[in-house]
Protein backbone atom coordinates (compact mmCIF):
# COMPACT_ATOMS: atom_id res chain seq x y z
CA MET A 1 -0.34 0.10 -0.17
CA ASN A 2 1.50 3.82 -0.89
CA THR A 3 3.16 5.55 1.90
CA LYS A 4 3.00 8.59 0.69
CA PRO A 5 1.95 11.40 3.19
CA LEU A 6 0.07 13.24 0.64
CA GLY A 7 -4.30 12.82 0.22
CA VAL A 8 -6.83 13.93 -1.68
CA LEU A 9 -10.32 14.49 -0.26
CA VAL A 10 -13.27 13.95 -2.73
CA MET A 11 -14.66 17.50 -2.06
CA THR A 12 -18.77 16.78 -1.59
CA THR A 13 -19.34 18.83 -4.41
CA THR A 14 -18.60 16.01 -6.47
CA PRO A 15 -21.75 13.48 -7.98
CA PRO A 16 -22.06 10.66 -6.47
CA GLU A 17 -21.27 9.10 -9.87
CA ASP A 18 -17.90 10.79 -9.88
CA VAL A 19 -16.55 9.28 -6.88
CA GLY A 20 -15.46 6.09 -7.88
CA PRO A 21 -13.88 7.41 -11.00
CA THR A 22 -12.33 9.91 -8.86
CA ALA A 23 -10.92 7.49 -6.37
CA ALA A 24 -9.02 5.37 -9.40
CA LEU A 25 -7.76 8.23 -10.81
CA VAL A 26 -6.12 9.55 -6.92
CA GLU A 27 -4.80 5.34 -7.02
CA ASP A 28 -3.25 5.91 -10.27
CA LEU A 29 -1.25 9.07 -9.86
CA GLY A 30 0.41 7.65 -6.54
CA PHE A 31 -1.36 9.52 -3.55
CA GLY A 32 -0.87 7.86 -0.25
CA GLU A 33 -4.77 7.83 0.77
CA LEU A 34 -8.11 8.86 -0.34
CA TRP A 35 -10.66 10.75 1.83
CA VAL A 36 -14.51 11.37 1.44
CA ALA A 37 -16.83 12.61 3.66
CA GLU A 38 -20.45 13.12 4.92
CA ASP A 39 -21.30 17.02 4.49
CA TYR A 40 -24.65 17.22 4.84
CA PHE A 41 -26.98 17.21 2.45
CA MET A 42 -24.61 15.78 0.00
CA TYR A 43 -23.47 12.87 -1.04
CA GLY A 44 -23.57 10.21 1.39
CA GLY A 45 -20.43 9.22 3.66
CA PHE A 46 -20.54 5.23 3.75
CA THR A 47 -21.95 5.33 0.28
CA ALA A 48 -18.94 6.55 -1.41
CA SER A 49 -16.72 5.10 1.30
CA ALA A 50 -18.07 2.18 -0.91
CA ALA A 51 -17.83 3.62 -4.59
CA ALA A 52 -14.28 4.61 -3.50
CA LEU A 53 -13.23 1.21 -2.49
CA GLN A 54 -14.98 -0.89 -5.07
CA ALA A 55 -12.74 1.62 -7.93
CA THR A 56 -9.50 0.98 -6.14
CA LYS A 57 -7.26 -1.87 -5.11
CA ARG A 58 -4.73 -0.89 -3.02
CA ILE A 59 -5.51 2.94 -1.32
CA SER A 60 -6.24 3.08 2.30
CA VAL A 61 -10.22 5.33 1.73
CA ASN A 62 -11.24 7.29 4.64
CA LEU A 63 -14.47 8.57 5.71
CA GLY A 64 -14.20 11.82 7.74
CA LEU A 65 -16.27 13.04 9.03
CA ILE A 66 -19.63 11.48 9.89
CA ALA A 67 -21.66 13.44 12.67
CA ALA A 68 -21.86 11.32 15.53
CA VAL A 69 -25.71 12.48 16.07
CA ALA A 70 -26.90 11.50 12.58
CA ARG A 71 -26.72 7.89 13.52
CA HIS A 72 -27.26 6.00 16.27
CA PRO A 73 -23.29 4.15 16.56
CA ALA A 74 -25.08 0.93 16.39
CA VAL A 75 -26.05 1.61 12.82
CA SER A 76 -22.88 3.46 12.33
CA ALA A 77 -20.98 0.35 13.85
CA MET A 78 -22.93 -1.88 11.55
CA GLU A 79 -21.87 0.24 8.43
CA ILE A 80 -18.02 0.19 9.35
CA ALA A 81 -18.37 -3.33 10.59
CA SER A 82 -19.41 -4.13 6.84
CA LEU A 83 -16.68 -2.31 4.50
CA ALA A 84 -14.00 -3.39 7.02
CA ARG A 85 -14.84 -7.15 6.39
CA THR A 86 -15.37 -6.73 2.89
CA TYR A 87 -12.06 -4.47 2.19
CA PRO A 88 -9.70 -5.99 4.94
CA GLY A 89 -7.28 -2.73 6.26
CA ARG A 90 -7.98 -0.28 3.74
CA PHE A 91 -11.69 1.82 5.23
CA VAL A 92 -10.63 4.09 8.49
CA PRO A 93 -13.46 6.08 9.61
CA GLY A 94 -13.58 9.11 11.20
CA ILE A 95 -16.49 11.22 13.73
CA GLY A 96 -17.00 14.55 14.63
CA HIS A 97 -19.27 16.65 16.45
CA GLY A 98 -21.29 17.52 13.29
CA VAL A 99 -21.46 21.43 11.90
CA PRO A 100 -24.27 23.09 14.58
CA VAL A 101 -26.07 24.68 11.11
CA TRP A 102 -26.39 21.31 9.61
CA THR A 103 -27.21 19.14 13.02
CA ASP A 104 -29.54 22.23 13.91
CA GLN A 105 -31.48 21.53 10.61
CA MET A 106 -32.70 18.08 11.91
CA GLY A 107 -33.05 18.71 15.25
CA LEU A 108 -30.01 16.55 16.28
CA THR A 109 -27.79 18.84 18.17
CA ALA A 110 -26.74 17.44 21.52
CA LYS A 111 -27.15 19.09 24.66
CA SER A 112 -23.30 17.60 26.00
CA PRO A 113 -21.16 17.32 22.27
CA LEU A 114 -18.59 15.46 24.33
CA SER A 115 -20.37 13.30 26.01
CA ALA A 116 -22.09 12.26 22.56
CA LEU A 117 -19.24 11.92 20.94
CA ASP A 118 -17.23 10.18 23.99
CA GLU A 119 -20.17 7.47 24.24
CA CYS A 120 -20.77 7.48 19.99
CA VAL A 121 -16.80 6.15 19.70
CA SER A 122 -16.98 3.88 22.26
CA GLY A 123 -19.84 2.37 21.28
CA ILE A 124 -18.90 1.51 18.28
CA ARG A 125 -15.57 0.31 19.20
CA GLN A 126 -16.99 -2.10 21.43
CA LEU A 127 -19.50 -3.43 19.00
CA LEU A 128 -17.28 -3.74 16.27
CA ARG A 129 -15.07 -5.96 18.80
CA GLY A 130 -18.06 -8.39 19.34
CA ASP A 131 -19.25 -6.87 22.90
CA THR A 132 -23.18 -7.01 23.26
CA LEU A 133 -23.51 -3.72 24.71
CA ASP A 134 -27.44 -2.88 27.48
CA THR A 135 -26.48 0.95 28.55
CA GLU A 136 -27.97 3.89 28.90
CA GLY A 137 -26.35 7.02 28.15
CA LYS A 138 -26.93 10.81 28.18
CA GLN A 139 -27.28 10.92 24.95
CA PHE A 140 -27.84 6.63 23.19
CA THR A 141 -29.00 4.00 24.20
CA PHE A 142 -28.02 0.72 23.63
CA ARG A 143 -30.55 -2.13 24.46
CA SER A 144 -28.97 -5.74 24.54
CA VAL A 145 -27.21 -4.92 20.89
CA THR A 146 -24.55 -7.39 18.74
CA LEU A 147 -23.58 -7.03 15.97
CA THR A 148 -23.79 -10.02 13.73
CA HIS A 149 -20.83 -9.68 11.61
CA PRO A 150 -17.98 -7.53 14.09
CA ALA A 151 -15.01 -6.77 12.22
CA PRO A 152 -12.15 -8.54 11.53
CA GLY A 153 -10.03 -7.04 13.96
CA ASP A 154 -9.18 -3.35 15.67
CA ILE A 155 -10.66 -0.64 13.39
CA PRO A 156 -8.59 2.97 13.95
CA ILE A 157 -11.28 5.28 15.12
CA LEU A 158 -10.25 8.69 13.89
CA THR A 159 -12.35 12.05 15.33
CA GLY A 160 -12.01 15.45 13.42
CA VAL A 161 -12.56 18.06 16.35
CA VAL A 162 -10.98 21.89 16.57
CA GLY A 163 -11.48 22.87 20.05
CA PRO A 164 -9.44 22.25 23.11
CA LYS A 165 -11.61 20.09 25.29
CA SER A 166 -12.56 18.44 22.11
CA LEU A 167 -8.95 17.59 20.78
CA GLU A 168 -8.08 16.39 24.36
CA LEU A 169 -10.48 13.80 24.65
CA SER A 170 -10.04 12.88 21.23
CA GLY A 171 -6.26 11.98 22.53
CA ARG A 172 -7.74 10.03 25.17
CA ILE A 173 -10.10 8.09 22.62
CA ALA A 174 -9.31 8.05 19.34
CA GLU A 175 -6.36 6.70 16.88
CA GLY A 176 -6.10 9.61 15.24
CA THR A 177 -7.80 13.77 15.07
CA ILE A 178 -8.34 14.69 11.86
CA ILE A 179 -7.60 18.87 11.45
CA SER A 180 -10.20 20.46 9.64
CA VAL A 181 -9.51 22.60 6.67
CA LEU A 182 -8.12 26.22 7.20
CA ALA A 183 -5.25 24.84 9.87
CA GLY A 184 -1.66 25.63 9.28
CA PRO A 185 1.09 24.78 10.76
CA THR A 186 0.45 27.53 13.85
CA TYR A 187 -3.09 25.84 14.91
CA VAL A 188 -1.43 22.25 14.11
CA ARG A 189 1.12 22.78 16.95
CA ALA A 190 -1.49 24.36 19.30
CA ALA A 191 -3.62 21.46 18.37
CA LEU A 192 -1.04 18.78 19.37
CA GLU A 193 -0.63 20.47 22.59
CA HIS A 194 -4.21 19.69 23.70
CA ILE A 195 -4.33 16.02 22.06
CA HIS A 196 -0.84 14.96 23.90
CA LYS A 197 -2.59 15.77 27.18
CA GLY A 198 -5.13 13.63 26.59
CA MET A 199 -3.31 10.57 25.11
CA ARG A 200 -0.83 11.25 28.19
CA ALA A 201 -3.91 10.60 30.12
CA ALA A 202 -5.19 7.46 28.38
CA ASN A 203 -1.36 6.36 28.42
CA ARG A 204 -1.26 6.00 24.42
CA THR A 205 1.61 6.72 22.09
CA GLU A 206 0.61 7.04 18.95
CA HIS A 207 -1.78 8.66 17.10
CA GLN A 208 -2.49 9.71 13.17
CA VAL A 209 -3.08 13.83 12.45
CA PRO A 210 -3.87 13.84 8.73
CA VAL A 211 -4.74 17.55 7.96
CA PHE A 212 -7.05 18.67 5.74
CA THR A 213 -6.63 21.69 3.81
CA LEU A 214 -8.08 24.01 0.72
CA SER A 215 -5.95 23.48 -2.12
CA SER A 216 -5.46 25.57 -5.06
CA ILE A 217 -2.48 24.25 -7.48
CA ALA A 218 -0.70 25.73 -10.70
CA GLU A 219 2.06 26.59 -12.71
CA ASP A 220 0.30 30.52 -12.11
CA GLY A 221 0.93 30.84 -8.87
CA ASP A 222 -0.74 33.99 -8.31
CA ALA A 223 -4.07 32.71 -9.98
CA ALA A 224 -3.83 29.50 -7.68
CA ARG A 225 -3.89 31.93 -4.49
CA ALA A 226 -6.67 34.42 -5.84
CA ALA A 227 -8.92 31.03 -6.67
CA VAL A 228 -8.62 30.20 -3.44
CA ARG A 229 -9.81 33.45 -1.24
CA PRO A 230 -13.37 32.47 -1.74
CA ALA A 231 -13.64 29.03 -0.55
CA LEU A 232 -11.81 30.40 2.24
CA ALA A 233 -14.36 33.53 2.58
CA MET A 234 -16.66 30.42 2.66
CA TYR A 235 -15.38 28.43 5.26
CA LEU A 236 -14.33 31.17 7.55
CA THR A 237 -18.07 32.76 7.54
CA ALA A 238 -19.05 29.15 8.54
CA LEU A 239 -16.91 28.80 11.34
CA GLY A 240 -17.83 32.38 12.00
CA PRO A 241 -15.51 34.80 14.14
CA HIS A 242 -15.05 33.17 17.61
CA ASN A 243 -13.30 30.15 15.84
CA PRO A 244 -10.35 28.48 17.27
CA LEU A 245 -8.24 28.02 13.71
CA SER A 246 -8.09 31.54 13.16
CA GLY A 247 -7.76 32.15 16.82
CA ALA A 248 -4.83 30.36 17.47
CA LEU A 249 -2.95 32.86 15.26
CA GLY A 250 -4.67 36.13 17.00
CA TRP A 251 -6.99 36.84 14.11
CA ASN A 252 -10.39 36.49 15.08
CA ASP A 253 -11.09 40.50 15.70
CA GLN A 254 -9.76 41.43 12.45
CA LEU A 255 -11.92 38.47 10.73
CA LYS A 256 -15.00 40.31 12.72
CA GLU A 257 -14.80 43.27 11.31
CA LEU A 258 -13.77 41.61 7.69
CA MET A 259 -17.42 39.64 8.05
CA GLU A 260 -19.42 42.56 8.18
CA ASP A 261 -18.98 43.54 4.57
CA GLY A 262 -19.98 40.08 3.16
CA ILE A 263 -18.36 36.94 1.85
CA ASP A 264 -17.54 38.85 -1.23
CA ALA A 265 -15.36 41.32 0.66
CA LEU A 266 -13.71 39.20 2.85
CA ALA A 267 -12.41 37.03 -0.08
CA LYS A 268 -11.15 40.25 -1.35
CA ASN A 269 -9.78 41.80 1.49
CA MET A 270 -8.29 39.32 3.57
CA PRO A 271 -4.29 39.65 4.05
CA ASP A 272 -2.05 37.22 1.70
CA GLU A 273 -0.83 36.26 4.93
CA TRP A 274 -3.77 34.29 5.77
CA VAL A 275 -4.30 32.56 2.38
CA GLU A 276 -0.52 31.88 2.81
CA GLU A 277 -1.06 30.29 6.17
CA MET A 278 -4.75 28.90 5.93
CA ALA A 279 -4.22 26.94 2.79
CA ILE A 280 -1.93 25.29 0.43
CA ALA A 281 -2.33 27.27 -2.93
CA GLY A 282 0.81 27.93 -5.35
CA THR A 283 3.20 26.48 -8.07
CA PRO A 284 4.16 23.00 -7.33
CA ASP A 285 7.29 24.29 -6.09
CA GLU A 286 5.82 26.17 -3.33
CA VAL A 287 3.37 23.48 -2.55
CA VAL A 288 6.22 21.22 -1.72
CA VAL A 289 7.42 23.24 0.83
CA LYS A 290 4.21 24.29 2.28
CA VAL A 291 3.55 20.40 2.98
CA ARG A 292 6.75 19.96 4.35
CA ASN A 293 5.83 23.21 5.95
CA LEU A 294 2.70 20.97 7.54
CA LEU A 295 4.62 17.51 8.41
CA ASP A 296 7.44 19.28 10.35
CA ALA A 297 4.52 21.07 11.97
CA GLY A 298 3.25 17.27 13.01
CA ALA A 299 0.83 15.99 10.70
CA THR A 300 1.56 12.94 9.54
CA SER A 301 -0.61 13.56 5.96
CA VAL A 302 -1.31 16.09 4.30
CA VAL A 303 -5.12 15.80 2.69
CA LEU A 304 -5.19 18.17 -0.11
CA ALA A 305 -9.30 19.44 -1.14
CA PRO A 306 -8.97 21.16 -4.07
CA VAL A 307 -11.33 24.31 -4.59
CA ASN A 308 -11.46 24.18 -8.23
CA PRO A 309 -13.98 21.54 -9.39
CA ALA A 310 -13.72 21.87 -13.27
CA ASP A 311 -9.86 21.86 -13.02
CA THR A 312 -9.34 18.72 -10.46
CA SER A 313 -8.39 16.47 -12.48
CA ASP A 314 -5.57 18.78 -14.16
CA GLU A 315 -4.44 19.92 -10.87
CA LEU A 316 -4.05 16.37 -9.36
CA LYS A 317 -2.12 14.93 -12.68
CA LEU A 318 0.09 18.23 -11.88
CA VAL A 319 0.65 17.37 -8.54
CA GLY A 320 1.20 13.70 -9.21
CA GLU A 321 4.01 14.85 -11.78
CA LYS A 322 5.25 17.38 -9.42
CA VAL A 323 5.04 17.01 -5.80
CA LEU A 324 4.44 13.49 -5.09
CA PRO A 325 7.70 12.76 -6.13
CA ARG A 326 9.49 15.21 -3.89
CA LEU A 327 7.93 13.88 -1.17
CA PRO A 328 9.35 11.13 1.41
């Protein structure tokens, strides 16, 4: 299996029928891992994982993320076990709190997101191992639940979280933490301090840290940087001015001011420094440096999230030709 520390996220703007062909291209180009997502209400995470696994032969297919509250953990465990048995050693699930806007739309927002995530991960892990659960938690109830087809061996479970308490919880209960888009080297280092605290409490010594990053890569570096600005503005607006990602850089007050004039103005007026820190945008030579900076900060892999749907295939081919050979 390829171990290059560079992966690709199949963005959820991708039509479901294109997930498989995109996954096959990513594998053929030599990337180390493939990720699918579950942004509500776009393509389904488990369905996309199955399509990607079916279309590939070697590459690791990872799901980042499903919301802990979107399915009962018993249902998620059933789906995870089915994929793990069908494609041994190639599927890794990720679980998060869920984006509040989407969980609010479904009336599913947890009263205690930390408890919900803890109970979800714990329940899934036990069911995958073949245990029978009969418990009543703050968020989830299990009444004599047993998987008929448990997982073959231990399945790593990753979480995707951003706040200090959640990062510490992830270090304690998970095999890895998926770091959100907009996370530059500064945030990665800060996040790892909280993750390591949780790891020490649980006597854990290993932890995966894949870092998602919005990407725009072209021979014309200025054009690539300009292209990524609208996506950065969209994600910053969704997170709001009081978020840990820009907060780690001391930018939240300025972000609040820039947001007052709307998303288009934010895209135009955000400082160049923000684009450099919070995205991978530029020429192949610049991208090599940016990927290495994230790896040096503690990322175990860097996952490109292309923001230019019409040009994604050409962009990935450019990365495969001029970036991948220069990475360990």
